[in-house]
Amino acid sequence: MRTKMRGDQSGAVLVELGFLLPIFILLLLAVFDIGMGYYYALEASNAARAGAQYGYQSSGTMMDTTGIQNAAKNDGYDITNSSGGKGSATWSSGYPTSTWGCMCSDGTQQTPFCGTTLTCSASSRQVNYVDVQAQASYRTLVRWPGIPSTVTLTGETLLWAGQ
């Protein structure tokens, strides 16, 4: 059995839709903007990992700063070098960076010079390491209240191998 609407209620659904549709669109835009920021954060993290994996190959590639930076930037190809528009990410000046050297496997006595033997505890040993840091800036699509319009995204990977 079908119920009949009164004449004064027939436009209520359209009025409700008119009130709720902008809220749904704003919610969808917020989810999309946060998702893009998260995607670029993963790009920065993966770029640091790719650079560290390149440097991890040998003692020669460990010192190849340009090769490490190129490997990181090639992996984070969606992050640009120049300032992009809203909803894009750009590499921060001077990034990605890399450091290398020797340390004890328990994380102590980190030094950029591997010429001398380190005095490590009995439970650790001397290892080579490469540390790559990636940093990018994400510009949000919309200026959200309480959230900066540019968000800094970082990623870091430290890999080490025994001598």
C-alpha atoms as a PDB file:
ATOM      1  CA  MET A   1       0.000   0.000   0.000  1.00  0.00           C
ATOM      2  CA  ARG A   2       1.362   3.319  -1.010  1.00  0.00           C
ATOM      3  CA  THR A   3       1.223   6.261   1.332  1.00  0.00           C
ATOM      4  CA  LYS A   4       0.488   9.641  -0.054  1.00  0.00           C
ATOM      5  CA  MET A   5       2.623  12.619   0.968  1.00  0.00           C
ATOM      6  CA  ARG A   6       0.943  15.760   1.979  1.00  0.00           C
ATOM      7  CA  GLY A   7       1.456  18.638  -0.384  1.00  0.00           C
ATOM      8  CA  ASP A   8       3.541  20.611   2.093  1.00  0.00           C
ATOM      9  CA  GLN A   9       6.087  17.741   2.501  1.00  0.00           C
ATOM     10  CA  SER A  10       6.717  16.879  -1.157  1.00  0.00           C
ATOM     11  CA  GLY A  11       9.858  19.042  -1.490  1.00  0.00           C
ATOM     12  CA  ALA A  12      11.408  18.033   1.848  1.00  0.00           C
ATOM     13  CA  VAL A  13      13.667  15.405   0.259  1.00  0.00           C
ATOM     14  CA  LEU A  14      15.126  17.938  -2.154  1.00  0.00           C
ATOM     15  CA  VAL A  15      15.736  20.438   0.621  1.00  0.00           C
ATOM     16  CA  GLU A  16      17.487  17.782   2.725  1.00  0.00           C
ATOM     17  CA  LEU A  17      19.580  16.770  -0.263  1.00  0.00           C
ATOM     18  CA  GLY A  18      20.485  20.412  -0.817  1.00  0.00           C
ATOM     19  CA  PHE A  19      21.760  20.638   2.765  1.00  0.00           C
ATOM     20  CA  LEU A  20      23.626  17.314   2.825  1.00  0.00           C
ATOM     21  CA  LEU A  21      25.190  17.240  -0.659  1.00  0.00           C
ATOM     22  CA  PRO A  22      27.806  19.966   0.056  1.00  0.00           C
ATOM     23  CA  ILE A  23      28.773  18.167   3.264  1.00  0.00           C
ATOM     24  CA  PHE A  24      29.223  14.863   1.403  1.00  0.00           C
ATOM     25  CA  ILE A  25      31.284  16.562  -1.316  1.00  0.00           C
ATOM     26  CA  LEU A  26      33.489  18.249   1.298  1.00  0.00           C
ATOM     27  CA  LEU A  27      33.960  14.932   3.092  1.00  0.00           C
ATOM     28  CA  LEU A  28      34.909  13.221  -0.171  1.00  0.00           C
ATOM     29  CA  LEU A  29      37.395  15.997  -0.970  1.00  0.00           C
ATOM     30  CA  ALA A  30      38.963  15.664   2.503  1.00  0.00           C
ATOM     31  CA  VAL A  31      39.370  11.908   2.102  1.00  0.00           C
ATOM     32  CA  PHE A  32      40.957  12.398  -1.329  1.00  0.00           C
ATOM     33  CA  ASP A  33      43.338  15.125  -0.052  1.00  0.00           C
ATOM     34  CA  ILE A  34      44.460  13.063   2.944  1.00  0.00           C
ATOM     35  CA  GLY A  35      44.888  10.033   0.688  1.00  0.00           C
ATOM     36  CA  MET A  36      47.142  11.987  -1.687  1.00  0.00           C
ATOM     37  CA  GLY A  37      49.245  13.211   1.237  1.00  0.00           C
ATOM     38  CA  TYR A  38      49.595   9.659   2.505  1.00  0.00           C
ATOM     39  CA  TYR A  39      50.577   8.470  -0.986  1.00  0.00           C
ATOM     40  CA  TYR A  40      53.350  11.078  -1.213  1.00  0.00           C
ATOM     41  CA  ALA A  41      54.538  10.167   2.293  1.00  0.00           C
ATOM     42  CA  LEU A  42      54.900   6.558   1.094  1.00  0.00           C
ATOM     43  CA  GLU A  43      56.770   7.833  -1.991  1.00  0.00           C
ATOM     44  CA  ALA A  44      59.274   9.689   0.230  1.00  0.00           C
ATOM     45  CA  SER A  45      59.735   6.654   2.474  1.00  0.00           C
ATOM     46  CA  ASN A  46      60.188   4.297  -0.486  1.00  0.00           C
ATOM     47  CA  ALA A  47      62.624   6.726  -2.116  1.00  0.00           C
ATOM     48  CA  ALA A  48      64.817   6.651   1.005  1.00  0.00           C
ATOM     49  CA  ARG A  49      64.706   2.850   0.959  1.00  0.00           C
ATOM     50  CA  ALA A  50      65.669   2.702  -2.733  1.00  0.00           C
ATOM     51  CA  GLY A  51      68.606   5.055  -2.172  1.00  0.00           C
ATOM     52  CA  ALA A  52      69.817   3.011   0.794  1.00  0.00           C
ATOM     53  CA  GLN A  53      69.514  -0.215  -1.187  1.00  0.00           C
ATOM     54  CA  TYR A  54      71.636   1.303  -3.951  1.00  0.00           C
ATOM     55  CA  GLY A  55      74.278   2.377  -1.424  1.00  0.00           C
ATOM     56  CA  TYR A  56      74.137  -0.996   0.338  1.00  0.00           C
ATOM     57  CA  GLN A  57      75.458  -2.881  -2.714  1.00  0.00           C
ATOM     58  CA  SER A  58      79.185  -2.371  -1.984  1.00  0.00           C
ATOM     59  CA  SER A  59      81.643  -0.090  -0.217  1.00  0.00           C
ATOM     60  CA  GLY A  60      81.995   1.820  -3.517  1.00  0.00           C
ATOM     61  CA  THR A  61      78.278   2.507  -3.942  1.00  0.00           C
ATOM     62  CA  MET A  62      78.022   3.337  -0.237  1.00  0.00           C
ATOM     63  CA  MET A  63      80.147   6.444  -0.926  1.00  0.00           C
ATOM     64  CA  ASP A  64      78.402   7.320  -4.233  1.00  0.00           C
ATOM     65  CA  THR A  65      76.245  10.192  -2.983  1.00  0.00           C
ATOM     66  CA  THR A  66      75.084  11.199  -6.469  1.00  0.00           C
ATOM     67  CA  GLY A  67      74.115   7.614  -7.321  1.00  0.00           C
ATOM     68  CA  ILE A  68      72.197   7.282  -4.057  1.00  0.00           C
ATOM     69  CA  GLN A  69      70.318  10.546  -4.711  1.00  0.00           C
ATOM     70  CA  ASN A  70      69.511   9.489  -8.274  1.00  0.00           C
ATOM     71  CA  ALA A  71      68.255   6.084  -7.114  1.00  0.00           C
ATOM     72  CA  ALA A  72      66.047   7.754  -4.493  1.00  0.00           C
ATOM     73  CA  LYS A  73      64.649  10.351  -6.897  1.00  0.00           C
ATOM     74  CA  ASN A  74      64.052   7.741  -9.594  1.00  0.00           C
ATOM     75  CA  ASP A  75      62.010   5.693  -7.127  1.00  0.00           C
ATOM     76  CA  GLY A  76      60.075   8.737  -5.910  1.00  0.00           C
ATOM     77  CA  TYR A  77      59.262   9.833  -9.462  1.00  0.00           C
ATOM     78  CA  ASP A  78      55.894  11.383  -8.521  1.00  0.00           C
ATOM     79  CA  ILE A  79      57.692  13.899  -6.296  1.00  0.00           C
ATOM     80  CA  THR A  80      58.939  16.765  -8.476  1.00  0.00           C
ATOM     81  CA  ASN A  81      62.004  19.020  -8.248  1.00  0.00           C
ATOM     82  CA  SER A  82      60.122  22.227  -9.025  1.00  0.00           C
ATOM     83  CA  SER A  83      57.223  23.778  -7.195  1.00  0.00           C
ATOM     84  CA  GLY A  84      54.025  22.095  -8.285  1.00  0.00           C
ATOM     85  CA  GLY A  85      50.424  23.113  -7.889  1.00  0.00           C
ATOM     86  CA  LYS A  86      47.993  22.177  -5.184  1.00  0.00           C
ATOM     87  CA  GLY A  87      47.820  18.475  -4.467  1.00  0.00           C
ATOM     88  CA  SER A  88      51.452  17.870  -5.454  1.00  0.00           C
ATOM     89  CA  ALA A  89      54.709  17.158  -3.654  1.00  0.00           C
ATOM     90  CA  THR A  90      58.171  18.637  -4.255  1.00  0.00           C
ATOM     91  CA  TRP A  91      61.562  17.573  -2.946  1.00  0.00           C
ATOM     92  CA  SER A  92      62.810  19.767  -0.119  1.00  0.00           C
ATOM     93  CA  SER A  93      66.016  21.634  -0.894  1.00  0.00           C
ATOM     94  CA  GLY A  94      69.080  19.405  -0.548  1.00  0.00           C
ATOM     95  CA  TYR A  95      67.126  16.152  -0.263  1.00  0.00           C
ATOM     96  CA  PRO A  96      67.503  13.215  -0.501  1.00  0.00           C
ATOM     97  CA  THR A  97      70.700  13.100   1.574  1.00  0.00           C
ATOM     98  CA  SER A  98      72.947  10.217   2.517  1.00  0.00           C
ATOM     99  CA  THR A  99      75.620   9.494   5.100  1.00  0.00           C
ATOM    100  CA  TRP A 100      77.800   6.443   5.427  1.00  0.00           C
ATOM    101  CA  GLY A 101      80.476   5.046   7.674  1.00  0.00           C
ATOM    102  CA  CYS A 102      81.066   2.428  10.343  1.00  0.00           C
ATOM    103  CA  MET A 103      79.398   1.677  13.656  1.00  0.00           C
ATOM    104  CA  CYS A 104      78.910  -1.126  16.113  1.00  0.00           C
ATOM    105  CA  SER A 105      75.982  -3.409  15.318  1.00  0.00           C
ATOM    106  CA  ASP A 106      74.248  -2.282  18.534  1.00  0.00           C
ATOM    107  CA  GLY A 107      74.089   1.286  17.106  1.00  0.00           C
ATOM    108  CA  THR A 108      76.897   2.768  19.201  1.00  0.00           C
ATOM    109  CA  GLN A 109      80.125   4.472  18.079  1.00  0.00           C
ATOM    110  CA  GLN A 110      78.787   5.699  14.734  1.00  0.00           C
ATOM    111  CA  THR A 111      81.646   7.273  12.760  1.00  0.00           C
ATOM    112  CA  PRO A 112      82.035   8.448   9.161  1.00  0.00           C
ATOM    113  CA  PHE A 113      85.569   7.059   9.031  1.00  0.00           C
ATOM    114  CA  CYS A 114      86.135   3.327   8.708  1.00  0.00           C
ATOM    115  CA  GLY A 115      89.941   3.466   8.872  1.00  0.00           C
ATOM    116  CA  THR A 116      90.175   2.495  12.530  1.00  0.00           C
ATOM    117  CA  THR A 117      88.734  -0.545  14.248  1.00  0.00           C
ATOM    118  CA  LEU A 118      85.954   0.332  16.657  1.00  0.00           C
ATOM    119  CA  THR A 119      85.842  -1.049  20.182  1.00  0.00           C
ATOM    120  CA  CYS A 120      82.444  -2.736  20.194  1.00  0.00           C
ATOM    121  CA  SER A 121      80.885  -4.627  23.085  1.00  0.00           C
ATOM    122  CA  ALA A 122      81.181  -8.417  23.201  1.00  0.00           C
ATOM    123  CA  SER A 123      77.641  -8.827  21.863  1.00  0.00           C
ATOM    124  CA  SER A 124      78.152  -6.580  18.813  1.00  0.00           C
ATOM    125  CA  ARG A 125      80.584  -6.186  15.924  1.00  0.00           C
ATOM    126  CA  GLN A 126      81.743  -3.479  13.533  1.00  0.00           C
ATOM    127  CA  VAL A 127      79.507  -2.912  10.484  1.00  0.00           C
ATOM    128  CA  ASN A 128      79.330  -0.552   7.491  1.00  0.00           C
ATOM    129  CA  TYR A 129      76.184   1.539   7.229  1.00  0.00           C
ATOM    130  CA  VAL A 130      74.426   3.812   4.783  1.00  0.00           C
ATOM    131  CA  ASP A 131      71.700   6.174   6.002  1.00  0.00           C
ATOM    132  CA  VAL A 132      69.412   7.905   3.488  1.00  0.00           C
ATOM    133  CA  GLN A 133      66.919  10.624   4.382  1.00  0.00           C
ATOM    134  CA  ALA A 134      64.233  11.889   2.005  1.00  0.00           C
ATOM    135  CA  GLN A 135      62.090  14.943   2.624  1.00  0.00           C
ATOM    136  CA  ALA A 136      59.335  16.462   0.497  1.00  0.00           C
ATOM    137  CA  SER A 137      56.627  19.087   0.900  1.00  0.00           C
ATOM    138  CA  TYR A 138      52.996  18.303   0.074  1.00  0.00           C
ATOM    139  CA  ARG A 139      50.636  21.157  -0.838  1.00  0.00           C
ATOM    140  CA  THR A 140      47.075  20.314   0.122  1.00  0.00           C
ATOM    141  CA  LEU A 141      44.255  20.699  -2.389  1.00  0.00           C
ATOM    142  CA  VAL A 142      42.204  22.859  -0.032  1.00  0.00           C
ATOM    143  CA  ARG A 143      43.221  25.114   2.831  1.00  0.00           C
ATOM    144  CA  TRP A 144      41.760  23.131   5.756  1.00  0.00           C
ATOM    145  CA  PRO A 145      41.158  24.865   9.091  1.00  0.00           C
ATOM    146  CA  GLY A 146      43.785  23.904  11.652  1.00  0.00           C
ATOM    147  CA  ILE A 147      46.019  22.146   9.085  1.00  0.00           C
ATOM    148  CA  PRO A 148      48.916  23.922   7.350  1.00  0.00           C
ATOM    149  CA  SER A 149      48.590  24.208   3.572  1.00  0.00           C
ATOM    150  CA  THR A 150      52.064  22.676   3.167  1.00  0.00           C
ATOM    151  CA  VAL A 151      52.931  19.470   5.042  1.00  0.00           C
ATOM    152  CA  THR A 152      56.495  18.138   5.356  1.00  0.00           C
ATOM    153  CA  LEU A 153      56.861  14.433   4.577  1.00  0.00           C
ATOM    154  CA  THR A 154      59.971  12.511   5.623  1.00  0.00           C
ATOM    155  CA  GLY A 155      61.415   9.076   5.127  1.00  0.00           C
ATOM    156  CA  GLU A 156      64.638   7.543   6.429  1.00  0.00           C
ATOM    157  CA  THR A 157      66.315   4.191   5.922  1.00  0.00           C
ATOM    158  CA  LEU A 158      69.445   2.912   7.674  1.00  0.00           C
ATOM    159  CA  LEU A 159      70.992  -0.270   6.287  1.00  0.00           C
ATOM    160  CA  TRP A 160      74.113  -1.915   7.612  1.00  0.00           C
ATOM    161  CA  ALA A 161      76.214  -4.922   6.736  1.00  0.00           C
ATOM    162  CA  GLY A 162      79.014  -6.659   8.622  1.00  0.00           C
ATOM    163  CA  GLN A 163      82.633  -6.423   7.598  1.00  0.00           C
END
